[in-house]
Amino acid sequence: MKAIWNGVIVAESDDIVVVEGNHYFPESALKRGYVLSSNRRTMCSWKGEASYYTLFVDGDANQDAVWYYPNPKEAAEEIKGRVAFMRGVSIED
C-alpha cells in the first residue's frame, strides 16, 4: 500500500495494520525527507497520547497530517512503531 499526498508517495509498505479504518504503516516506511516534527499532541482514551508530523512536499505543508503513538496503551500495542495519515493523504494499493 502507498500513502500519497501532493502527487508524491510519502510511505509505502505491504505490512499494514488497520485500526478504526485507519491504515497504520511501519514508521520505517515513512519517507523522512517529507516530514517535519510537530508539537501537536492529542489523547485517545484507549490508545493513549498521539504525536504528529507535518508533511512538506514541493513547498506545500500539510499540517499534522501524520500521527503516531510513541507509547500506546496495552490495548493498542499493535500500532506501536507505526504511523497513520489524514488530511487529504490517499491510501492506495
C-alpha atoms as a PDB file:
ATOM      1  CA  MET A   1       0.000   0.000   0.000  1.00  0.00           C
ATOM      2  CA  LYS A   2       1.031   3.582  -0.576  1.00  0.00           C
ATOM      3  CA  ALA A   3       0.290   6.832   1.221  1.00  0.00           C
ATOM      4  CA  ILE A   4       0.220   9.644  -1.353  1.00  0.00           C
ATOM      5  CA  TRP A   5      -0.014  13.376  -0.877  1.00  0.00           C
ATOM      6  CA  ASN A   6       0.512  16.148  -3.389  1.00  0.00           C
ATOM      7  CA  GLY A   7       1.330  13.515  -6.032  1.00  0.00           C
ATOM      8  CA  VAL A   8       4.207  12.042  -4.011  1.00  0.00           C
ATOM      9  CA  ILE A   9       4.448   8.681  -2.252  1.00  0.00           C
ATOM     10  CA  VAL A  10       5.222   9.577   1.370  1.00  0.00           C
ATOM     11  CA  ALA A  11       5.090   5.979   2.682  1.00  0.00           C
ATOM     12  CA  GLU A  12       4.934   2.524   1.125  1.00  0.00           C
ATOM     13  CA  SER A  13       4.619  -0.939   2.665  1.00  0.00           C
ATOM     14  CA  ASP A  14       2.774  -4.247   2.446  1.00  0.00           C
ATOM     15  CA  ASP A  15       2.844  -4.519   6.258  1.00  0.00           C
ATOM     16  CA  ILE A  16      -0.294  -2.560   7.171  1.00  0.00           C
ATOM     17  CA  VAL A  17      -2.391  -2.692  10.339  1.00  0.00           C
ATOM     18  CA  VAL A  18      -5.924  -1.280  10.076  1.00  0.00           C
ATOM     19  CA  VAL A  19      -7.465   0.146  13.253  1.00  0.00           C
ATOM     20  CA  GLU A  20     -10.752   2.058  13.210  1.00  0.00           C
ATOM     21  CA  GLY A  21     -10.489   2.341   9.422  1.00  0.00           C
ATOM     22  CA  ASN A  22      -7.030   3.934   9.550  1.00  0.00           C
ATOM     23  CA  HIS A  23      -4.098   2.288   7.783  1.00  0.00           C
ATOM     24  CA  TYR A  24      -1.019   2.199  10.010  1.00  0.00           C
ATOM     25  CA  PHE A  25       2.274   1.858   8.152  1.00  0.00           C
ATOM     26  CA  PRO A  26       5.544   0.823   9.800  1.00  0.00           C
ATOM     27  CA  GLU A  27       7.340   4.001  10.828  1.00  0.00           C
ATOM     28  CA  SER A  28      10.316   2.825   8.759  1.00  0.00           C
ATOM     29  CA  ALA A  29       8.097   3.075   5.622  1.00  0.00           C
ATOM     30  CA  LEU A  30       7.689   6.827   6.131  1.00  0.00           C
ATOM     31  CA  LYS A  31       9.919   8.804   3.766  1.00  0.00           C
ATOM     32  CA  ARG A  32      11.593  11.105   6.284  1.00  0.00           C
ATOM     33  CA  GLY A  33      12.513  13.704   3.693  1.00  0.00           C
ATOM     34  CA  TYR A  34       8.843  14.710   3.569  1.00  0.00           C
ATOM     35  CA  VAL A  35       8.095  15.118   7.274  1.00  0.00           C
ATOM     36  CA  LEU A  36       8.704  17.760   9.893  1.00  0.00           C
ATOM     37  CA  SER A  37       8.156  17.361  13.622  1.00  0.00           C
ATOM     38  CA  SER A  38       5.067  18.922  15.161  1.00  0.00           C
ATOM     39  CA  ASN A  39       4.326  19.974  18.718  1.00  0.00           C
ATOM     40  CA  ARG A  40       0.691  18.808  18.483  1.00  0.00           C
ATOM     41  CA  ARG A  41      -0.439  16.106  20.895  1.00  0.00           C
ATOM     42  CA  THR A  42      -3.879  14.582  21.367  1.00  0.00           C
ATOM     43  CA  MET A  43      -5.267  11.922  23.677  1.00  0.00           C
ATOM     44  CA  CYS A  44      -7.277   8.811  22.830  1.00  0.00           C
ATOM     45  CA  SER A  45      -8.940   7.047  25.742  1.00  0.00           C
ATOM     46  CA  TRP A  46      -7.901   3.556  24.640  1.00  0.00           C
ATOM     47  CA  LYS A  47      -4.760   4.172  22.513  1.00  0.00           C
ATOM     48  CA  GLY A  48      -3.015   6.839  24.575  1.00  0.00           C
ATOM     49  CA  GLU A  49      -1.251  10.048  23.563  1.00  0.00           C
ATOM     50  CA  ALA A  50      -0.746  10.687  19.844  1.00  0.00           C
ATOM     51  CA  SER A  51       2.078  12.742  18.365  1.00  0.00           C
ATOM     52  CA  TYR A  52       2.131  14.283  14.890  1.00  0.00           C
ATOM     53  CA  TYR A  53       4.282  15.127  11.893  1.00  0.00           C
ATOM     54  CA  THR A  54       3.615  17.723   9.211  1.00  0.00           C
ATOM     55  CA  LEU A  55       4.077  16.671   5.593  1.00  0.00           C
ATOM     56  CA  PHE A  56       6.124  19.023   3.434  1.00  0.00           C
ATOM     57  CA  VAL A  57       6.121  18.292  -0.325  1.00  0.00           C
ATOM     58  CA  ASP A  58       7.170  20.631  -3.134  1.00  0.00           C
ATOM     59  CA  GLY A  59       6.866  23.701  -0.924  1.00  0.00           C
ATOM     60  CA  ASP A  60       3.403  22.785   0.390  1.00  0.00           C
ATOM     61  CA  ALA A  61       2.747  21.869   4.017  1.00  0.00           C
ATOM     62  CA  ASN A  62       0.017  19.541   5.271  1.00  0.00           C
ATOM     63  CA  GLN A  63      -0.063  20.409   8.975  1.00  0.00           C
ATOM     64  CA  ASP A  64      -0.243  17.446  11.378  1.00  0.00           C
ATOM     65  CA  ALA A  65      -1.278  15.028   8.603  1.00  0.00           C
ATOM     66  CA  VAL A  66       0.683  12.115  10.081  1.00  0.00           C
ATOM     67  CA  TRP A  67       0.103  10.721  13.563  1.00  0.00           C
ATOM     68  CA  TYR A  68       1.589   8.012  15.713  1.00  0.00           C
ATOM     69  CA  TYR A  69       1.502   6.681  19.253  1.00  0.00           C
ATOM     70  CA  PRO A  70       5.040   6.589  20.689  1.00  0.00           C
ATOM     71  CA  ASN A  71       3.877   4.690  23.789  1.00  0.00           C
ATOM     72  CA  PRO A  72       0.425   3.247  23.084  1.00  0.00           C
ATOM     73  CA  LYS A  73      -1.638   1.715  25.832  1.00  0.00           C
ATOM     74  CA  GLU A  74      -1.639  -2.073  26.075  1.00  0.00           C
ATOM     75  CA  ALA A  75      -4.896  -2.367  24.105  1.00  0.00           C
ATOM     76  CA  ALA A  76      -3.221  -0.660  21.131  1.00  0.00           C
ATOM     77  CA  GLU A  77       0.198  -2.343  21.167  1.00  0.00           C
ATOM     78  CA  GLU A  78      -0.288  -3.441  17.539  1.00  0.00           C
ATOM     79  CA  ILE A  79       0.221   0.167  16.364  1.00  0.00           C
ATOM     80  CA  LYS A  80       3.441   0.810  18.275  1.00  0.00           C
ATOM     81  CA  GLY A  81       6.102   1.918  15.812  1.00  0.00           C
ATOM     82  CA  ARG A  82       3.507   2.758  13.148  1.00  0.00           C
ATOM     83  CA  VAL A  83       2.161   5.928  11.528  1.00  0.00           C
ATOM     84  CA  ALA A  84      -1.229   6.794  10.008  1.00  0.00           C
ATOM     85  CA  PHE A  85      -2.375   9.601   7.732  1.00  0.00           C
ATOM     86  CA  MET A  86      -5.214  12.104   7.321  1.00  0.00           C
ATOM     87  CA  ARG A  87      -5.996  15.495   5.745  1.00  0.00           C
ATOM     88  CA  GLY A  88      -6.046  14.554   2.102  1.00  0.00           C
ATOM     89  CA  VAL A  89      -3.435  11.811   2.142  1.00  0.00           C
ATOM     90  CA  SER A  90      -4.761   8.988  -0.043  1.00  0.00           C
ATOM     91  CA  ILE A  91      -4.108   5.338   0.723  1.00  0.00           C
ATOM     92  CA  GLU A  92      -3.855   3.204  -2.389  1.00  0.00           C
ATOM     93  CA  ASP A  93      -2.931  -0.368  -3.325  1.00  0.00           C
END
